[in-house]
PDB file of N, CA and C in Angstrom:
ATOM      1  N   MET A   1       0.521  -1.485   0.033  1.00  0.00           N
ATOM      2  CA  MET A   1      -0.083   0.190  -0.347  1.00  0.00           C
ATOM      3  C   MET A   1       0.748   1.054  -0.016  1.00  0.00           C
ATOM      4  N   ILE A   2       0.177   1.742  -0.729  1.00  0.00           N
ATOM      5  CA  ILE A   2       1.104   3.334  -0.579  1.00  0.00           C
ATOM      6  C   ILE A   2       0.839   4.846   0.127  1.00  0.00           C
ATOM      7  N   THR A   3       1.697   5.115   0.442  1.00  0.00           N
ATOM      8  CA  THR A   3       0.908   6.532   2.125  1.00  0.00           C
ATOM      9  C   THR A   3       1.821   7.094   1.427  1.00  0.00           C
ATOM     10  N   PRO A   4       1.365   8.681   1.760  1.00  0.00           N
ATOM     11  CA  PRO A   4       1.399   9.475   1.186  1.00  0.00           C
ATOM     12  C   PRO A   4       3.442  10.230   1.663  1.00  0.00           C
ATOM     13  N   GLU A   5       3.460   9.971   2.944  1.00  0.00           N
ATOM     14  CA  GLU A   5       4.506  10.386   3.025  1.00  0.00           C
ATOM     15  C   GLU A   5       5.645   9.523   2.539  1.00  0.00           C
ATOM     16  N   HIS A   6       5.921   8.472   2.114  1.00  0.00           N
ATOM     17  CA  HIS A   6       6.912   7.727   1.197  1.00  0.00           C
ATOM     18  C   HIS A   6       6.863   8.609  -0.043  1.00  0.00           C
ATOM     19  N   LEU A   7       6.508   8.799  -0.365  1.00  0.00           N
ATOM     20  CA  LEU A   7       6.100   9.922  -2.103  1.00  0.00           C
ATOM     21  C   LEU A   7       7.193  10.979  -1.521  1.00  0.00           C
ATOM     22  N   ARG A   8       7.324  11.191  -3.087  1.00  0.00           N
ATOM     23  CA  ARG A   8       7.868  13.194  -3.010  1.00  0.00           C
ATOM     24  C   ARG A   8       6.989  13.519  -4.045  1.00  0.00           C
ATOM     25  N   TRP A   9       6.523  14.832  -3.446  1.00  0.00           N
ATOM     26  CA  TRP A   9       5.469  15.512  -3.896  1.00  0.00           C
ATOM     27  C   TRP A   9       5.960  16.531  -4.736  1.00  0.00           C
ATOM     28  N   HIS A  10       5.434  16.560  -5.553  1.00  0.00           N
ATOM     29  CA  HIS A  10       5.412  17.986  -6.738  1.00  0.00           C
ATOM     30  C   HIS A  10       4.242  18.976  -6.684  1.00  0.00           C
ATOM     31  N   LYS A  11       4.426  20.469  -6.066  1.00  0.00           N
ATOM     32  CA  LYS A  11       2.988  21.169  -5.701  1.00  0.00           C
ATOM     33  C   LYS A  11       3.009  21.714  -7.286  1.00  0.00           C
ATOM     34  N   SER A  12       1.627  21.864  -7.679  1.00  0.00           N
ATOM     35  CA  SER A  12       1.338  22.732  -8.678  1.00  0.00           C
ATOM     36  C   SER A  12       1.589  24.311  -8.532  1.00  0.00           C
ATOM     37  N   SER A  13       2.269  24.575  -9.437  1.00  0.00           N
ATOM     38  CA  SER A  13       2.327  26.097  -9.905  1.00  0.00           C
ATOM     39  C   SER A  13       1.470  27.354  -9.610  1.00  0.00           C
ATOM     40  N   TYR A  14       0.473  26.542  -9.649  1.00  0.00           N
ATOM     41  CA  TYR A  14      -1.054  27.680  -9.018  1.00  0.00           C
ATOM     42  C   TYR A  14      -1.049  27.629  -7.496  1.00  0.00           C
ATOM     43  N   SER A  15      -0.250  26.696  -6.638  1.00  0.00           N
ATOM     44  CA  SER A  15      -0.410  26.851  -5.170  1.00  0.00           C
ATOM     45  C   SER A  15       0.390  28.151  -4.758  1.00  0.00           C
ATOM     46  N   ASP A  16       1.250  28.697  -5.186  1.00  0.00           N
ATOM     47  CA  ASP A  16       1.876  29.803  -4.623  1.00  0.00           C
ATOM     48  C   ASP A  16       0.532  30.846  -4.475  1.00  0.00           C
ATOM     49  N   HIS A  17      -0.522  30.500  -5.395  1.00  0.00           N
ATOM     50  CA  HIS A  17      -1.508  32.192  -5.318  1.00  0.00           C
ATOM     51  C   HIS A  17      -2.668  32.022  -4.398  1.00  0.00           C
ATOM     52  N   GLY A  18      -2.806  30.911  -3.636  1.00  0.00           N
ATOM     53  CA  GLY A  18      -3.907  30.557  -2.590  1.00  0.00           C
ATOM     54  C   GLY A  18      -4.787  29.686  -3.107  1.00  0.00           C
ATOM     55  N   GLY A  19      -4.526  28.986  -4.313  1.00  0.00           N
ATOM     56  CA  GLY A  19      -6.117  28.734  -5.236  1.00  0.00           C
ATOM     57  C   GLY A  19      -6.187  27.313  -4.705  1.00  0.00           C
ATOM     58  N   GLN A  20      -7.157  26.800  -5.041  1.00  0.00           N
ATOM     59  CA  GLN A  20      -7.707  25.318  -4.717  1.00  0.00           C
ATOM     60  C   GLN A  20      -6.624  24.479  -5.694  1.00  0.00           C
ATOM     61  N   CYS A  21      -5.460  23.688  -4.923  1.00  0.00           N
ATOM     62  CA  CYS A  21      -4.339  23.623  -6.424  1.00  0.00           C
ATOM     63  C   CYS A  21      -4.396  22.100  -5.687  1.00  0.00           C
ATOM     64  N   VAL A  22      -3.360  21.087  -6.334  1.00  0.00           N
ATOM     65  CA  VAL A  22      -3.138  19.788  -6.031  1.00  0.00           C
ATOM     66  C   VAL A  22      -1.509  19.470  -6.050  1.00  0.00           C
ATOM     67  N   GLU A  23      -1.362  18.550  -5.428  1.00  0.00           N
ATOM     68  CA  GLU A  23       0.468  18.183  -5.658  1.00  0.00           C
ATOM     69  C   GLU A  23       0.288  16.627  -6.447  1.00  0.00           C
ATOM     70  N   TRP A  24       1.716  15.964  -7.336  1.00  0.00           N
ATOM     71  CA  TRP A  24       1.191  14.676  -7.702  1.00  0.00           C
ATOM     72  C   TRP A  24       3.058  14.536  -7.589  1.00  0.00           C
ATOM     73  N   ALA A  25       3.108  12.889  -7.451  1.00  0.00           N
ATOM     74  CA  ALA A  25       4.257  12.555  -7.411  1.00  0.00           C
ATOM     75  C   ALA A  25       4.733  11.910  -9.035  1.00  0.00           C
ATOM     76  N   PRO A  26       5.723  12.767  -9.576  1.00  0.00           N
ATOM     77  CA  PRO A  26       6.377  12.361 -10.754  1.00  0.00           C
ATOM     78  C   PRO A  26       7.256  11.062 -10.702  1.00  0.00           C
ATOM     79  N   SER A  27       8.183  10.718  -9.548  1.00  0.00           N
ATOM     80  CA  SER A  27       8.633   9.924  -9.436  1.00  0.00           C
ATOM     81  C   SER A  27       7.941   8.343  -9.352  1.00  0.00           C
ATOM     82  N   TYR A  28       6.948   8.385  -8.551  1.00  0.00           N
ATOM     83  CA  TYR A  28       6.303   6.863  -8.821  1.00  0.00           C
ATOM     84  C   TYR A  28       5.589   7.151 -10.181  1.00  0.00           C
ATOM     85  N   ALA A  29       4.803   8.114 -10.427  1.00  0.00           N
ATOM     86  CA  ALA A  29       4.586   7.904 -11.925  1.00  0.00           C
ATOM     87  C   ALA A  29       5.066   7.676 -12.718  1.00  0.00           C
ATOM     88  N   LEU A  30       6.412   8.094 -13.167  1.00  0.00           N
ATOM     89  CA  LEU A  30       7.288   7.171 -14.257  1.00  0.00           C
ATOM     90  C   LEU A  30       7.835   5.961 -13.729  1.00  0.00           C
ATOM     91  N   ALA A  31       7.971   5.234 -12.505  1.00  0.00           N
ATOM     92  CA  ALA A  31       8.253   4.094 -12.412  1.00  0.00           C
ATOM     93  C   ALA A  31       6.867   3.122 -12.443  1.00  0.00           C
ATOM     94  N   HIS A  32       5.818   3.543 -12.509  1.00  0.00           N
ATOM     95  CA  HIS A  32       5.137   3.132 -12.033  1.00  0.00           C
ATOM     96  C   HIS A  32       4.079   3.106 -13.114  1.00  0.00           C
ATOM     97  N   GLY A  33       3.465   4.064 -14.067  1.00  0.00           N
ATOM     98  CA  GLY A  33       2.774   4.757 -15.037  1.00  0.00           C
ATOM     99  C   GLY A  33       1.441   4.944 -14.250  1.00  0.00           C
ATOM    100  N   VAL A  34       1.121   5.126 -13.016  1.00  0.00           N
ATOM    101  CA  VAL A  34      -0.054   5.697 -12.603  1.00  0.00           C
ATOM    102  C   VAL A  34       0.538   6.965 -11.615  1.00  0.00           C
ATOM    103  N   VAL A  35      -0.497   7.824 -11.464  1.00  0.00           N
ATOM    104  CA  VAL A  35      -0.089   9.223 -11.098  1.00  0.00           C
ATOM    105  C   VAL A  35      -0.823   9.221  -9.721  1.00  0.00           C
ATOM    106  N   PRO A  36      -0.171   9.268  -8.885  1.00  0.00           N
ATOM    107  CA  PRO A  36      -0.885   9.764  -7.484  1.00  0.00           C
ATOM    108  C   PRO A  36      -0.642  11.364  -7.511  1.00  0.00           C
ATOM    109  N   VAL A  37      -2.371  11.452  -7.215  1.00  0.00           N
ATOM    110  CA  VAL A  37      -2.679  13.011  -6.787  1.00  0.00           C
ATOM    111  C   VAL A  37      -2.663  13.551  -5.602  1.00  0.00           C
ATOM    112  N   ARG A  38      -2.691  14.778  -4.564  1.00  0.00           N
ATOM    113  CA  ARG A  38      -3.885  14.750  -3.667  1.00  0.00           C
ATOM    114  C   ARG A  38      -3.767  16.063  -3.469  1.00  0.00           C
ATOM    115  N   ASP A  39      -4.324  17.172  -2.532  1.00  0.00           N
ATOM    116  CA  ASP A  39      -4.666  17.877  -2.517  1.00  0.00           C
ATOM    117  C   ASP A  39      -3.740  19.108  -1.073  1.00  0.00           C
ATOM    118  N   SER A  40      -3.287  20.042  -2.244  1.00  0.00           N
ATOM    119  CA  SER A  40      -1.859  20.531  -1.607  1.00  0.00           C
ATOM    120  C   SER A  40      -2.630  21.016  -0.164  1.00  0.00           C
ATOM    121  N   LYS A  41      -3.658  21.126   0.184  1.00  0.00           N
ATOM    122  CA  LYS A  41      -3.940  21.635   1.078  1.00  0.00           C
ATOM    123  C   LYS A  41      -4.199  20.912   2.549  1.00  0.00           C
ATOM    124  N   GLN A  42      -4.311  19.617   2.183  1.00  0.00           N
ATOM    125  CA  GLN A  42      -3.876  18.447   2.962  1.00  0.00           C
ATOM    126  C   GLN A  42      -3.812  17.200   2.738  1.00  0.00           C
ATOM    127  N   SER A  43      -1.894  17.898   2.849  1.00  0.00           N
ATOM    128  CA  SER A  43      -0.902  16.766   2.845  1.00  0.00           C
ATOM    129  C   SER A  43      -1.152  15.109   3.263  1.00  0.00           C
ATOM    130  N   ASP A  44      -1.807  14.913   4.438  1.00  0.00           N
ATOM    131  CA  ASP A  44      -2.361  14.034   4.978  1.00  0.00           C
ATOM    132  C   ASP A  44      -3.637  13.401   5.111  1.00  0.00           C
ATOM    133  N   GLY A  45      -4.076  13.986   3.781  1.00  0.00           N
ATOM    134  CA  GLY A  45      -5.377  13.324   2.882  1.00  0.00           C
ATOM    135  C   GLY A  45      -5.346  12.577   2.168  1.00  0.00           C
ATOM    136  N   PRO A  46      -6.411  11.983   1.352  1.00  0.00           N
ATOM    137  CA  PRO A  46      -6.075  10.712   0.274  1.00  0.00           C
ATOM    138  C   PRO A  46      -5.739  11.393  -0.415  1.00  0.00           C
ATOM    139  N   VAL A  47      -5.175  10.068  -1.007  1.00  0.00           N
ATOM    140  CA  VAL A  47      -4.324  10.460  -2.254  1.00  0.00           C
ATOM    141  C   VAL A  47      -4.898   9.134  -3.529  1.00  0.00           C
ATOM    142  N   LEU A  48      -5.798  10.322  -4.716  1.00  0.00           N
ATOM    143  CA  LEU A  48      -6.108   9.720  -5.787  1.00  0.00           C
ATOM    144  C   LEU A  48      -5.385   8.858  -6.961  1.00  0.00           C
ATOM    145  N   MET A  49      -5.325   7.532  -7.331  1.00  0.00           N
ATOM    146  CA  MET A  49      -4.633   6.887  -8.634  1.00  0.00           C
ATOM    147  C   MET A  49      -5.235   7.406  -9.412  1.00  0.00           C
ATOM    148  N   VAL A  50      -4.641   7.798 -10.438  1.00  0.00           N
ATOM    149  CA  VAL A  50      -5.049   7.907 -11.875  1.00  0.00           C
ATOM    150  C   VAL A  50      -4.230   7.832 -12.707  1.00  0.00           C
ATOM    151  N   SER A  51      -4.312   7.041 -13.908  1.00  0.00           N
ATOM    152  CA  SER A  51      -3.488   6.461 -14.815  1.00  0.00           C
ATOM    153  C   SER A  51      -2.669   7.872 -15.659  1.00  0.00           C
ATOM    154  N   ALA A  52      -1.876   7.541 -16.182  1.00  0.00           N
ATOM    155  CA  ALA A  52      -0.846   8.907 -16.537  1.00  0.00           C
ATOM    156  C   ALA A  52      -1.979   9.850 -17.956  1.00  0.00           C
ATOM    157  N   ALA A  53      -2.805   9.232 -18.838  1.00  0.00           N
ATOM    158  CA  ALA A  53      -3.808   9.070 -19.852  1.00  0.00           C
ATOM    159  C   ALA A  53      -4.594  10.349 -19.149  1.00  0.00           C
ATOM    160  N   ALA A  54      -5.254   9.849 -17.870  1.00  0.00           N
ATOM    161  CA  ALA A  54      -6.106  10.359 -17.168  1.00  0.00           C
ATOM    162  C   ALA A  54      -5.604  11.839 -16.369  1.00  0.00           C
ATOM    163  N   PHE A  55      -3.874  11.584 -15.892  1.00  0.00           N
ATOM    164  CA  PHE A  55      -4.184  12.974 -15.689  1.00  0.00           C
ATOM    165  C   PHE A  55      -3.350  14.420 -16.419  1.00  0.00           C
ATOM    166  N   THR A  56      -2.928  13.376 -17.750  1.00  0.00           N
ATOM    167  CA  THR A  56      -2.923  14.305 -19.090  1.00  0.00           C
ATOM    168  C   THR A  56      -4.189  14.945 -19.413  1.00  0.00           C
ATOM    169  N   GLY A  57      -5.016  14.322 -19.726  1.00  0.00           N
ATOM    170  CA  GLY A  57      -6.765  15.299 -19.637  1.00  0.00           C
ATOM    171  C   GLY A  57      -6.915  16.318 -18.356  1.00  0.00           C
ATOM    172  N   LEU A  58      -6.641  16.103 -17.305  1.00  0.00           N
ATOM    173  CA  LEU A  58      -6.982  16.459 -15.981  1.00  0.00           C
ATOM    174  C   LEU A  58      -5.677  18.087 -16.483  1.00  0.00           C
ATOM    175  N   VAL A  59      -4.618  17.756 -16.761  1.00  0.00           N
ATOM    176  CA  VAL A  59      -3.796  19.214 -16.712  1.00  0.00           C
ATOM    177  C   VAL A  59      -3.982  19.996 -17.654  1.00  0.00           C
ATOM    178  N   THR A  60      -4.673  18.791 -18.823  1.00  0.00           N
ATOM    179  CA  THR A  60      -5.247  19.877 -19.939  1.00  0.00           C
ATOM    180  C   THR A  60      -6.624  20.736 -20.199  1.00  0.00           C
ATOM    181  N   MET A  61      -7.259  20.075 -19.543  1.00  0.00           N
ATOM    182  CA  MET A  61      -8.454  20.957 -18.842  1.00  0.00           C
ATOM    183  C   MET A  61      -8.062  21.854 -17.857  1.00  0.00           C
ATOM    184  N   ALA A  62      -7.387  21.734 -16.871  1.00  0.00           N
ATOM    185  CA  ALA A  62      -7.012  22.803 -16.278  1.00  0.00           C
ATOM    186  C   ALA A  62      -6.238  24.348 -16.867  1.00  0.00           C
ATOM    187  N   ARG A  63      -5.873  23.553 -18.126  1.00  0.00           N
ATOM    188  CA  ARG A  63      -5.119  24.453 -18.444  1.00  0.00           C
ATOM    189  C   ARG A  63      -5.818  25.509 -19.406  1.00  0.00           C
ATOM    190  N   ASP A  64      -6.752  24.557 -20.099  1.00  0.00           N
ATOM    191  CA  ASP A  64      -7.802  25.291 -20.877  1.00  0.00           C
ATOM    192  C   ASP A  64      -8.850  26.121 -20.206  1.00  0.00           C
ATOM    193  N   THR A  65      -9.056  26.268 -19.131  1.00  0.00           N
ATOM    194  CA  THR A  65      -9.946  26.564 -18.209  1.00  0.00           C
ATOM    195  C   THR A  65      -9.325  27.757 -17.746  1.00  0.00           C
ATOM    196  N   THR A  66      -8.105  28.022 -17.735  1.00  0.00           N
ATOM    197  CA  THR A  66      -7.433  29.541 -16.832  1.00  0.00           C
ATOM    198  C   THR A  66      -7.141  29.941 -17.595  1.00  0.00           C
ATOM    199  N   ARG A  67      -7.564  29.928 -19.511  1.00  0.00           N
ATOM    200  CA  ARG A  67      -7.149  30.665 -20.332  1.00  0.00           C
ATOM    201  C   ARG A  67      -8.098  31.952 -20.501  1.00  0.00           C
TER     202      ARG A  67
END
């Protein structure tokens, strides 16, 4: 079982602006093909595991809505 404290998290660049942001664990994603995602404001909260394709879709959608 994966626990959040065992992962190296990368915070969204939008987190510096106080928005609703996420963190992801790129090294785990590269090694396993599954992307762990969590709420940057709740580091001890649940971790959502999504496929690399789903994560790419989420990032694309987020970028499109901020333009």
